[in-house]
Amino acid sequence: MQADEGEDGGGPHPVWVRPAPRHGGTVVGRLLAGPLAPALAALRRGLAAQEGRLTLFAPLLLGWGIAHYFSLRTEPGLATTLFWALAAGAAGAGLLRWRPAGPALWLAAALVLPPTGMLLAKLRTEAVSAPRLARETGTVELSGRILGLARESPGSVKLLLAPRAIEGLAPEALPARIRLTVRGTPERLEALTSGAEITGLARLMPPSPPVAPGAYDFARAAWFDRIGGLGFTLGVPRVVEPAVPDRTGPALWLAGLREGIARRIAAALPEAPATPG
């Protein structure tokens, strides 16, 4: 409180003056003014040096959220992931409204982008969701269209097949894609081309999980490729309808073009020398 002379020439009137805020009496204030002061100053200088470069760090923050999603031991629900992303977005928007530049901008990005990365990963997981085989099928008859193939050797090819029917499976339980290994003579394998409809016998199994903790997870990779099963055929499948270029679509046309180029390159290469036994 301070004294001030009145306008009517009377005695002094009391005037209340609001004291300046002091943080030294609180635990947080003592930390900010004491041990944390050098670190905060260095952080401010670092953020000032990176001014205008937030877009370069945005992919890292998004990737952090995506990596966290794949490190979870249990699959989070879509509603839960969406809730946390919206909550983080609201917090970031409030922070930017309070202070739209400087360290607050970086803090808002750190709040918003990792949960957004988790949400993007979850949405991608849901978008590629497709049935998978639950167990080995034994020997079954199947039919489907070849989506692509890779020739491993003159007597072996790997097919990516969109199944039309698999013995013992209902139509709604069919995987979107299966990967098959086919072995036979080069002459019979030559008839297998992208876009062709085939039928034959095969043994199928679900995509295999990692063989050890932290090892390559083929089942996860197969999920995002929409591959719900893999196996091998018993003999070379029979082509029931060859590929028709006008009906295959651009993807299968491109796959057929790549296969033709690969065959011409393989035919021009010299045969590999026999390995001495």
C-alpha atoms as a PDB file:
ATOM      1  CA  MET A   1       0.000   0.000   0.000  1.00  0.00           C
ATOM      2  CA  GLN A   2       1.237   3.526  -0.864  1.00  0.00           C
ATOM      3  CA  ALA A   3       0.002   7.036   0.206  1.00  0.00           C
ATOM      4  CA  ASP A   4      -1.217   9.561  -2.381  1.00  0.00           C
ATOM      5  CA  GLU A   5      -2.327  13.181  -2.018  1.00  0.00           C
ATOM      6  CA  GLY A   6      -6.066  13.698  -2.649  1.00  0.00           C
ATOM      7  CA  GLU A   7      -7.271  16.099  -5.381  1.00  0.00           C
ATOM      8  CA  ASP A   8      -9.238  18.181  -2.870  1.00  0.00           C
ATOM      9  CA  GLY A   9      -6.067  19.087  -1.015  1.00  0.00           C
ATOM     10  CA  GLY A  10      -6.993  16.855   1.893  1.00  0.00           C
ATOM     11  CA  GLY A  11      -4.827  14.315   3.575  1.00  0.00           C
ATOM     12  CA  PRO A  12      -3.228  11.376   1.894  1.00  0.00           C
ATOM     13  CA  HIS A  13      -5.466   8.540   0.646  1.00  0.00           C
ATOM     14  CA  PRO A  14      -4.335   4.941   0.684  1.00  0.00           C
ATOM     15  CA  VAL A  15      -3.702   3.462  -2.777  1.00  0.00           C
ATOM     16  CA  TRP A  16      -3.391  -0.288  -3.206  1.00  0.00           C
ATOM     17  CA  VAL A  17      -0.628  -1.361  -5.560  1.00  0.00           C
ATOM     18  CA  ARG A  18      -0.701  -4.953  -6.922  1.00  0.00           C
ATOM     19  CA  PRO A  19       2.572  -6.632  -6.065  1.00  0.00           C
ATOM     20  CA  ALA A  20       4.644  -8.125  -8.872  1.00  0.00           C
ATOM     21  CA  PRO A  21       4.197 -11.863  -9.161  1.00  0.00           C
ATOM     22  CA  ARG A  22       6.935 -13.852  -7.549  1.00  0.00           C
ATOM     23  CA  HIS A  23       7.624 -17.530  -8.174  1.00  0.00           C
ATOM     24  CA  GLY A  24      10.486 -17.946  -5.848  1.00  0.00           C
ATOM     25  CA  GLY A  25       8.253 -19.219  -3.096  1.00  0.00           C
ATOM     26  CA  THR A  26       6.915 -22.218  -5.053  1.00  0.00           C
ATOM     27  CA  VAL A  27       8.674 -25.454  -5.860  1.00  0.00           C
ATOM     28  CA  VAL A  28       8.199 -24.900  -9.593  1.00  0.00           C
ATOM     29  CA  GLY A  29       9.458 -21.336  -9.327  1.00  0.00           C
ATOM     30  CA  ARG A  30      12.578 -22.389  -7.451  1.00  0.00           C
ATOM     31  CA  LEU A  31      13.277 -25.063 -10.083  1.00  0.00           C
ATOM     32  CA  LEU A  32      12.754 -22.678 -13.000  1.00  0.00           C
ATOM     33  CA  ALA A  33      14.933 -20.010 -11.426  1.00  0.00           C
ATOM     34  CA  GLY A  34      17.533 -22.428 -10.097  1.00  0.00           C
ATOM     35  CA  PRO A  35      18.718 -25.791 -11.451  1.00  0.00           C
ATOM     36  CA  LEU A  36      16.534 -25.769 -14.582  1.00  0.00           C
ATOM     37  CA  ALA A  37      17.357 -22.217 -15.643  1.00  0.00           C
ATOM     38  CA  PRO A  38      20.476 -23.126 -17.740  1.00  0.00           C
ATOM     39  CA  ALA A  39      18.631 -26.007 -19.432  1.00  0.00           C
ATOM     40  CA  LEU A  40      15.632 -23.814 -20.259  1.00  0.00           C
ATOM     41  CA  ALA A  41      17.886 -21.103 -21.629  1.00  0.00           C
ATOM     42  CA  ALA A  42      19.716 -23.630 -23.805  1.00  0.00           C
ATOM     43  CA  LEU A  43      16.350 -25.017 -25.006  1.00  0.00           C
ATOM     44  CA  ARG A  44      15.166 -21.532 -25.964  1.00  0.00           C
ATOM     45  CA  ARG A  45      18.392 -20.872 -27.869  1.00  0.00           C
ATOM     46  CA  GLY A  46      18.119 -24.215 -29.658  1.00  0.00           C
ATOM     47  CA  LEU A  47      14.516 -23.629 -30.694  1.00  0.00           C
ATOM     48  CA  ALA A  48      15.379 -20.112 -31.840  1.00  0.00           C
ATOM     49  CA  ALA A  49      18.181 -21.539 -34.006  1.00  0.00           C
ATOM     50  CA  GLN A  50      15.681 -23.949 -35.619  1.00  0.00           C
ATOM     51  CA  GLU A  51      13.117 -21.265 -36.386  1.00  0.00           C
ATOM     52  CA  GLY A  52      11.384 -21.966 -39.671  1.00  0.00           C
ATOM     53  CA  ARG A  53      12.490 -25.612 -39.749  1.00  0.00           C
ATOM     54  CA  LEU A  54       9.533 -27.224 -38.005  1.00  0.00           C
ATOM     55  CA  THR A  55       8.411 -28.858 -41.247  1.00  0.00           C
ATOM     56  CA  LEU A  56      11.696 -30.794 -41.303  1.00  0.00           C
ATOM     57  CA  PHE A  57      10.995 -32.247 -37.864  1.00  0.00           C
ATOM     58  CA  ALA A  58       7.316 -32.994 -38.506  1.00  0.00           C
ATOM     59  CA  PRO A  59       8.019 -36.386 -40.204  1.00  0.00           C
ATOM     60  CA  LEU A  60      10.180 -37.393 -37.223  1.00  0.00           C
ATOM     61  CA  LEU A  61       7.366 -36.616 -34.790  1.00  0.00           C
ATOM     62  CA  LEU A  62       4.842 -38.460 -36.949  1.00  0.00           C
ATOM     63  CA  GLY A  63       7.234 -41.401 -37.230  1.00  0.00           C
ATOM     64  CA  TRP A  64       7.668 -41.435 -33.475  1.00  0.00           C
ATOM     65  CA  GLY A  65       3.926 -41.914 -33.082  1.00  0.00           C
ATOM     66  CA  ILE A  66       3.858 -44.643 -35.747  1.00  0.00           C
ATOM     67  CA  ALA A  67       6.781 -46.466 -34.089  1.00  0.00           C
ATOM     68  CA  HIS A  68       5.026 -46.254 -30.728  1.00  0.00           C
ATOM     69  CA  TYR A  69       1.900 -47.797 -32.270  1.00  0.00           C
ATOM     70  CA  PHE A  70       3.867 -50.798 -33.521  1.00  0.00           C
ATOM     71  CA  SER A  71       5.643 -51.199 -30.171  1.00  0.00           C
ATOM     72  CA  LEU A  72       2.379 -51.707 -28.248  1.00  0.00           C
ATOM     73  CA  ARG A  73       1.797 -55.178 -26.874  1.00  0.00           C
ATOM     74  CA  THR A  74      -1.955 -55.051 -27.520  1.00  0.00           C
ATOM     75  CA  GLU A  75      -3.895 -53.560 -30.404  1.00  0.00           C
ATOM     76  CA  PRO A  76      -5.528 -50.247 -29.417  1.00  0.00           C
ATOM     77  CA  GLY A  77      -9.120 -49.611 -30.382  1.00  0.00           C
ATOM     78  CA  LEU A  78      -9.915 -47.126 -33.133  1.00  0.00           C
ATOM     79  CA  ALA A  79     -12.122 -45.062 -30.805  1.00  0.00           C
ATOM     80  CA  THR A  80      -9.350 -44.828 -28.190  1.00  0.00           C
ATOM     81  CA  THR A  81      -6.732 -43.804 -30.751  1.00  0.00           C
ATOM     82  CA  LEU A  82      -9.084 -41.231 -32.260  1.00  0.00           C
ATOM     83  CA  PHE A  83      -9.907 -39.808 -28.814  1.00  0.00           C
ATOM     84  CA  TRP A  84      -6.246 -39.233 -27.907  1.00  0.00           C
ATOM     85  CA  ALA A  85      -5.517 -37.676 -31.307  1.00  0.00           C
ATOM     86  CA  LEU A  86      -8.457 -35.277 -30.938  1.00  0.00           C
ATOM     87  CA  ALA A  87      -7.508 -34.450 -27.342  1.00  0.00           C
ATOM     88  CA  ALA A  88      -3.932 -33.709 -28.393  1.00  0.00           C
ATOM     89  CA  GLY A  89      -5.205 -31.581 -31.269  1.00  0.00           C
ATOM     90  CA  ALA A  90      -7.425 -29.571 -28.931  1.00  0.00           C
ATOM     91  CA  ALA A  91      -4.519 -29.039 -26.504  1.00  0.00           C
ATOM     92  CA  GLY A  92      -2.238 -27.939 -29.333  1.00  0.00           C
ATOM     93  CA  ALA A  93      -4.857 -25.531 -30.707  1.00  0.00           C
ATOM     94  CA  GLY A  94      -5.336 -24.004 -27.261  1.00  0.00           C
ATOM     95  CA  LEU A  95      -1.606 -23.582 -26.842  1.00  0.00           C
ATOM     96  CA  LEU A  96      -1.266 -21.866 -30.221  1.00  0.00           C
ATOM     97  CA  ARG A  97      -4.152 -19.556 -29.422  1.00  0.00           C
ATOM     98  CA  TRP A  98      -2.371 -18.511 -26.256  1.00  0.00           C
ATOM     99  CA  ARG A  99       1.014 -18.044 -27.949  1.00  0.00           C
ATOM    100  CA  PRO A 100       1.159 -18.781 -31.699  1.00  0.00           C
ATOM    101  CA  ALA A 101       4.937 -18.627 -32.157  1.00  0.00           C
ATOM    102  CA  GLY A 102       8.252 -19.483 -30.562  1.00  0.00           C
ATOM    103  CA  PRO A 103       8.651 -22.452 -28.220  1.00  0.00           C
ATOM    104  CA  ALA A 104       4.868 -22.802 -27.945  1.00  0.00           C
ATOM    105  CA  LEU A 105       4.720 -23.762 -31.629  1.00  0.00           C
ATOM    106  CA  TRP A 106       7.228 -26.566 -31.091  1.00  0.00           C
ATOM    107  CA  LEU A 107       5.409 -27.732 -27.984  1.00  0.00           C
ATOM    108  CA  ALA A 108       2.121 -27.813 -29.908  1.00  0.00           C
ATOM    109  CA  ALA A 109       3.748 -29.879 -32.659  1.00  0.00           C
ATOM    110  CA  ALA A 110       5.176 -32.294 -30.073  1.00  0.00           C
ATOM    111  CA  LEU A 111       1.686 -32.645 -28.579  1.00  0.00           C
ATOM    112  CA  VAL A 112      -0.223 -33.110 -31.835  1.00  0.00           C
ATOM    113  CA  LEU A 113       1.982 -34.995 -34.308  1.00  0.00           C
ATOM    114  CA  PRO A 114       2.849 -38.217 -32.385  1.00  0.00           C
ATOM    115  CA  PRO A 115      -0.827 -39.042 -31.621  1.00  0.00           C
ATOM    116  CA  THR A 116      -1.614 -38.169 -35.237  1.00  0.00           C
ATOM    117  CA  GLY A 117       1.032 -40.672 -36.360  1.00  0.00           C
ATOM    118  CA  MET A 118      -0.561 -43.333 -34.168  1.00  0.00           C
ATOM    119  CA  LEU A 119      -3.964 -42.556 -35.677  1.00  0.00           C
ATOM    120  CA  LEU A 120      -2.604 -42.786 -39.228  1.00  0.00           C
ATOM    121  CA  ALA A 121      -1.036 -46.179 -38.476  1.00  0.00           C
ATOM    122  CA  LYS A 122      -4.293 -47.425 -36.955  1.00  0.00           C
ATOM    123  CA  LEU A 123      -6.335 -46.201 -39.933  1.00  0.00           C
ATOM    124  CA  ARG A 124      -3.934 -47.937 -42.330  1.00  0.00           C
ATOM    125  CA  THR A 125      -4.219 -51.145 -40.300  1.00  0.00           C
ATOM    126  CA  GLU A 126      -8.001 -51.021 -40.534  1.00  0.00           C
ATOM    127  CA  ALA A 127      -7.966 -50.113 -44.240  1.00  0.00           C
ATOM    128  CA  VAL A 128      -5.983 -53.233 -45.257  1.00  0.00           C
ATOM    129  CA  SER A 129      -7.881 -55.558 -42.932  1.00  0.00           C
ATOM    130  CA  ALA A 130      -8.739 -58.843 -44.676  1.00  0.00           C
ATOM    131  CA  PRO A 131      -9.445 -62.455 -43.633  1.00  0.00           C
ATOM    132  CA  ARG A 132      -6.481 -64.677 -42.822  1.00  0.00           C
ATOM    133  CA  LEU A 133      -6.156 -68.427 -42.527  1.00  0.00           C
ATOM    134  CA  ALA A 134      -6.511 -69.530 -38.914  1.00  0.00           C
ATOM    135  CA  ARG A 135      -4.641 -72.840 -39.322  1.00  0.00           C
ATOM    136  CA  GLU A 136      -3.095 -75.168 -41.870  1.00  0.00           C
ATOM    137  CA  THR A 137      -5.569 -76.494 -44.403  1.00  0.00           C
ATOM    138  CA  GLY A 138      -3.977 -79.705 -45.517  1.00  0.00           C
ATOM    139  CA  THR A 139      -4.358 -80.553 -49.206  1.00  0.00           C
ATOM    140  CA  VAL A 140      -7.185 -78.521 -50.729  1.00  0.00           C
ATOM    141  CA  GLU A 141      -8.389 -77.579 -54.170  1.00  0.00           C
ATOM    142  CA  LEU A 142      -8.286 -73.885 -55.000  1.00  0.00           C
ATOM    143  CA  SER A 143      -8.806 -71.547 -57.898  1.00  0.00           C
ATOM    144  CA  GLY A 144      -8.015 -67.905 -58.481  1.00  0.00           C
ATOM    145  CA  ARG A 145      -6.397 -65.227 -60.605  1.00  0.00           C
ATOM    146  CA  ILE A 146      -2.644 -64.643 -60.721  1.00  0.00           C
ATOM    147  CA  LEU A 147      -1.862 -61.075 -59.627  1.00  0.00           C
ATOM    148  CA  GLY A 148       1.890 -61.375 -60.044  1.00  0.00           C
ATOM    149  CA  LEU A 149       4.725 -63.866 -60.119  1.00  0.00           C
ATOM    150  CA  ALA A 150       8.453 -64.013 -59.545  1.00  0.00           C
ATOM    151  CA  ARG A 151      10.617 -66.671 -61.166  1.00  0.00           C
ATOM    152  CA  GLU A 152      13.125 -67.888 -58.592  1.00  0.00           C
ATOM    153  CA  SER A 153      14.761 -70.429 -60.906  1.00  0.00           C
ATOM    154  CA  PRO A 154      13.941 -72.187 -64.181  1.00  0.00           C
ATOM    155  CA  GLY A 155      11.937 -74.770 -62.236  1.00  0.00           C
ATOM    156  CA  SER A 156      10.316 -72.621 -59.521  1.00  0.00           C
ATOM    157  CA  VAL A 157       8.052 -69.563 -59.382  1.00  0.00           C
ATOM    158  CA  LYS A 158       6.259 -67.692 -56.616  1.00  0.00           C
ATOM    159  CA  LEU A 159       2.668 -66.685 -57.364  1.00  0.00           C
ATOM    160  CA  LEU A 160       0.594 -63.937 -55.786  1.00  0.00           C
ATOM    161  CA  LEU A 161      -2.954 -65.238 -56.157  1.00  0.00           C
ATOM    162  CA  ALA A 162      -6.374 -63.670 -55.578  1.00  0.00           C
ATOM    163  CA  PRO A 163      -8.369 -66.778 -54.647  1.00  0.00           C
ATOM    164  CA  ARG A 164     -11.845 -67.329 -56.067  1.00  0.00           C
ATOM    165  CA  ALA A 165     -12.495 -70.455 -54.041  1.00  0.00           C
ATOM    166  CA  ILE A 166     -10.651 -72.623 -51.514  1.00  0.00           C
ATOM    167  CA  GLU A 167     -12.020 -75.996 -50.550  1.00  0.00           C
ATOM    168  CA  GLY A 168     -13.476 -75.934 -47.029  1.00  0.00           C
ATOM    169  CA  LEU A 169     -13.616 -72.123 -46.728  1.00  0.00           C
ATOM    170  CA  ALA A 170     -16.736 -69.981 -46.994  1.00  0.00           C
ATOM    171  CA  PRO A 171     -16.560 -67.092 -49.490  1.00  0.00           C
ATOM    172  CA  GLU A 172     -16.474 -64.492 -46.692  1.00  0.00           C
ATOM    173  CA  ALA A 173     -13.480 -66.284 -45.104  1.00  0.00           C
ATOM    174  CA  LEU A 174     -11.335 -66.220 -48.249  1.00  0.00           C
ATOM    175  CA  PRO A 175      -8.054 -64.309 -47.902  1.00  0.00           C
ATOM    176  CA  ALA A 176      -7.672 -61.350 -50.238  1.00  0.00           C
ATOM    177  CA  ARG A 177      -4.341 -62.736 -51.448  1.00  0.00           C
ATOM    178  CA  ILE A 178      -2.233 -65.843 -50.951  1.00  0.00           C
ATOM    179  CA  ARG A 179       1.374 -66.533 -51.921  1.00  0.00           C
ATOM    180  CA  LEU A 180       2.159 -69.897 -53.520  1.00  0.00           C
ATOM    181  CA  THR A 181       5.376 -71.619 -54.509  1.00  0.00           C
ATOM    182  CA  VAL A 182       5.036 -73.668 -57.706  1.00  0.00           C
ATOM    183  CA  ARG A 183       7.664 -76.123 -58.916  1.00  0.00           C
ATOM    184  CA  GLY A 184       7.719 -77.869 -62.268  1.00  0.00           C
ATOM    185  CA  THR A 185       9.387 -78.004 -65.643  1.00  0.00           C
ATOM    186  CA  PRO A 186      10.161 -74.653 -67.318  1.00  0.00           C
ATOM    187  CA  GLU A 187       7.839 -75.529 -70.202  1.00  0.00           C
ATOM    188  CA  ARG A 188       4.818 -75.992 -67.927  1.00  0.00           C
ATOM    189  CA  LEU A 189       5.659 -72.960 -65.786  1.00  0.00           C
ATOM    190  CA  GLU A 190       5.793 -70.803 -68.918  1.00  0.00           C
ATOM    191  CA  ALA A 191       1.974 -70.940 -69.129  1.00  0.00           C
ATOM    192  CA  LEU A 192       1.609 -69.151 -65.770  1.00  0.00           C
ATOM    193  CA  THR A 193       1.263 -65.420 -66.416  1.00  0.00           C
ATOM    194  CA  SER A 194      -0.265 -62.490 -64.547  1.00  0.00           C
ATOM    195  CA  GLY A 195      -4.006 -62.240 -65.156  1.00  0.00           C
ATOM    196  CA  ALA A 196      -4.498 -65.953 -65.866  1.00  0.00           C
ATOM    197  CA  GLU A 197      -7.138 -67.974 -63.992  1.00  0.00           C
ATOM    198  CA  ILE A 198      -5.762 -71.205 -62.536  1.00  0.00           C
ATOM    199  CA  THR A 199      -6.944 -74.182 -60.496  1.00  0.00           C
ATOM    200  CA  GLY A 200      -5.085 -76.936 -58.694  1.00  0.00           C
ATOM    201  CA  LEU A 201      -4.187 -78.595 -55.408  1.00  0.00           C
ATOM    202  CA  ALA A 202      -2.200 -76.847 -52.693  1.00  0.00           C
ATOM    203  CA  ARG A 203      -1.292 -76.943 -49.018  1.00  0.00           C
ATOM    204  CA  LEU A 204      -1.812 -73.646 -47.201  1.00  0.00           C
ATOM    205  CA  MET A 205      -0.903 -72.178 -43.828  1.00  0.00           C
ATOM    206  CA  PRO A 206      -1.193 -68.805 -42.056  1.00  0.00           C
ATOM    207  CA  PRO A 207       1.663 -66.282 -42.332  1.00  0.00           C
ATOM    208  CA  SER A 208       4.346 -67.223 -39.829  1.00  0.00           C
ATOM    209  CA  PRO A 209       5.036 -65.085 -36.718  1.00  0.00           C
ATOM    210  CA  PRO A 210       8.573 -64.012 -35.711  1.00  0.00           C
ATOM    211  CA  VAL A 211      10.867 -66.923 -34.861  1.00  0.00           C
ATOM    212  CA  ALA A 212      12.350 -64.937 -31.944  1.00  0.00           C
ATOM    213  CA  PRO A 213      11.554 -61.730 -30.042  1.00  0.00           C
ATOM    214  CA  GLY A 214      12.553 -58.758 -32.182  1.00  0.00           C
ATOM    215  CA  ALA A 215      13.056 -60.882 -35.309  1.00  0.00           C
ATOM    216  CA  TYR A 216      11.491 -60.090 -38.666  1.00  0.00           C
ATOM    217  CA  ASP A 217       7.705 -60.248 -38.401  1.00  0.00           C
ATOM    218  CA  PHE A 218       6.540 -61.762 -41.675  1.00  0.00           C
ATOM    219  CA  ALA A 219       2.937 -61.964 -40.442  1.00  0.00           C
ATOM    220  CA  ARG A 220       2.835 -58.191 -39.909  1.00  0.00           C
ATOM    221  CA  ALA A 221       4.350 -57.499 -43.324  1.00  0.00           C
ATOM    222  CA  ALA A 222       1.860 -59.920 -44.898  1.00  0.00           C
ATOM    223  CA  TRP A 223      -1.029 -58.147 -43.137  1.00  0.00           C
ATOM    224  CA  PHE A 224      -0.182 -54.840 -44.811  1.00  0.00           C
ATOM    225  CA  ASP A 225       0.234 -56.625 -48.164  1.00  0.00           C
ATOM    226  CA  ARG A 226      -3.207 -58.213 -47.578  1.00  0.00           C
ATOM    227  CA  ILE A 227      -1.669 -61.695 -47.785  1.00  0.00           C
ATOM    228  CA  GLY A 228      -3.721 -64.034 -45.635  1.00  0.00           C
ATOM    229  CA  GLY A 229      -2.016 -67.328 -46.394  1.00  0.00           C
ATOM    230  CA  LEU A 230       0.959 -68.977 -48.033  1.00  0.00           C
ATOM    231  CA  GLY A 231       1.926 -72.440 -49.161  1.00  0.00           C
ATOM    232  CA  PHE A 232       2.861 -74.559 -52.139  1.00  0.00           C
ATOM    233  CA  THR A 233       1.060 -76.351 -54.921  1.00  0.00           C
ATOM    234  CA  LEU A 234       1.096 -80.072 -55.621  1.00  0.00           C
ATOM    235  CA  GLY A 235       2.179 -79.975 -59.218  1.00  0.00           C
ATOM    236  CA  VAL A 236       1.739 -77.127 -61.665  1.00  0.00           C
ATOM    237  CA  PRO A 237      -1.773 -75.591 -61.539  1.00  0.00           C
ATOM    238  CA  ARG A 238      -3.920 -75.835 -64.650  1.00  0.00           C
ATOM    239  CA  VAL A 239      -4.679 -72.632 -66.539  1.00  0.00           C
ATOM    240  CA  VAL A 240      -8.446 -72.491 -67.064  1.00  0.00           C
ATOM    241  CA  GLU A 241      -8.508 -69.017 -68.639  1.00  0.00           C
ATOM    242  CA  PRO A 242      -5.457 -67.267 -70.075  1.00  0.00           C
ATOM    243  CA  ALA A 243      -4.818 -63.616 -69.394  1.00  0.00           C
ATOM    244  CA  VAL A 244      -6.776 -61.290 -71.660  1.00  0.00           C
ATOM    245  CA  PRO A 245      -4.929 -57.950 -72.045  1.00  0.00           C
ATOM    246  CA  ASP A 246      -8.145 -55.935 -72.467  1.00  0.00           C
ATOM    247  CA  ARG A 247      -9.576 -57.236 -69.178  1.00  0.00           C
ATOM    248  CA  THR A 248      -6.550 -57.369 -66.902  1.00  0.00           C
ATOM    249  CA  GLY A 249      -6.388 -53.689 -65.972  1.00  0.00           C
ATOM    250  CA  PRO A 250      -3.295 -51.470 -65.735  1.00  0.00           C
ATOM    251  CA  ALA A 251      -1.772 -53.218 -62.694  1.00  0.00           C
ATOM    252  CA  LEU A 252      -1.839 -56.686 -64.250  1.00  0.00           C
ATOM    253  CA  TRP A 253      -0.751 -55.278 -67.618  1.00  0.00           C
ATOM    254  CA  LEU A 254       2.295 -53.744 -65.938  1.00  0.00           C
ATOM    255  CA  ALA A 255       3.028 -57.010 -64.110  1.00  0.00           C
ATOM    256  CA  GLY A 256       2.862 -58.894 -67.414  1.00  0.00           C
ATOM    257  CA  LEU A 257       5.215 -56.379 -69.011  1.00  0.00           C
ATOM    258  CA  ARG A 258       7.732 -56.839 -66.206  1.00  0.00           C
ATOM    259  CA  GLU A 259       7.513 -60.623 -66.519  1.00  0.00           C
ATOM    260  CA  GLY A 260       8.137 -60.426 -70.277  1.00  0.00           C
ATOM    261  CA  ILE A 261      11.207 -58.249 -69.750  1.00  0.00           C
ATOM    262  CA  ALA A 262      12.485 -60.633 -67.058  1.00  0.00           C
ATOM    263  CA  ARG A 263      12.050 -63.640 -69.369  1.00  0.00           C
ATOM    264  CA  ARG A 264      13.950 -61.949 -72.208  1.00  0.00           C
ATOM    265  CA  ILE A 265      16.801 -61.006 -69.863  1.00  0.00           C
ATOM    266  CA  ALA A 266      16.951 -64.545 -68.445  1.00  0.00           C
ATOM    267  CA  ALA A 267      17.015 -66.012 -71.960  1.00  0.00           C
ATOM    268  CA  ALA A 268      19.928 -63.763 -72.966  1.00  0.00           C
ATOM    269  CA  LEU A 269      22.056 -64.613 -69.927  1.00  0.00           C
ATOM    270  CA  PRO A 270      24.504 -67.527 -70.119  1.00  0.00           C
ATOM    271  CA  GLU A 271      23.627 -70.608 -68.127  1.00  0.00           C
ATOM    272  CA  ALA A 272      25.173 -70.804 -64.677  1.00  0.00           C
ATOM    273  CA  PRO A 273      28.106 -73.245 -64.523  1.00  0.00           C
ATOM    274  CA  ALA A 274      27.497 -76.493 -62.719  1.00  0.00           C
ATOM    275  CA  THR A 275      28.573 -76.497 -59.103  1.00  0.00           C
ATOM    276  CA  PRO A 276      31.182 -79.195 -58.468  1.00  0.00           C
ATOM    277  CA  GLY A 277      29.955 -81.813 -56.066  1.00  0.00           C
END
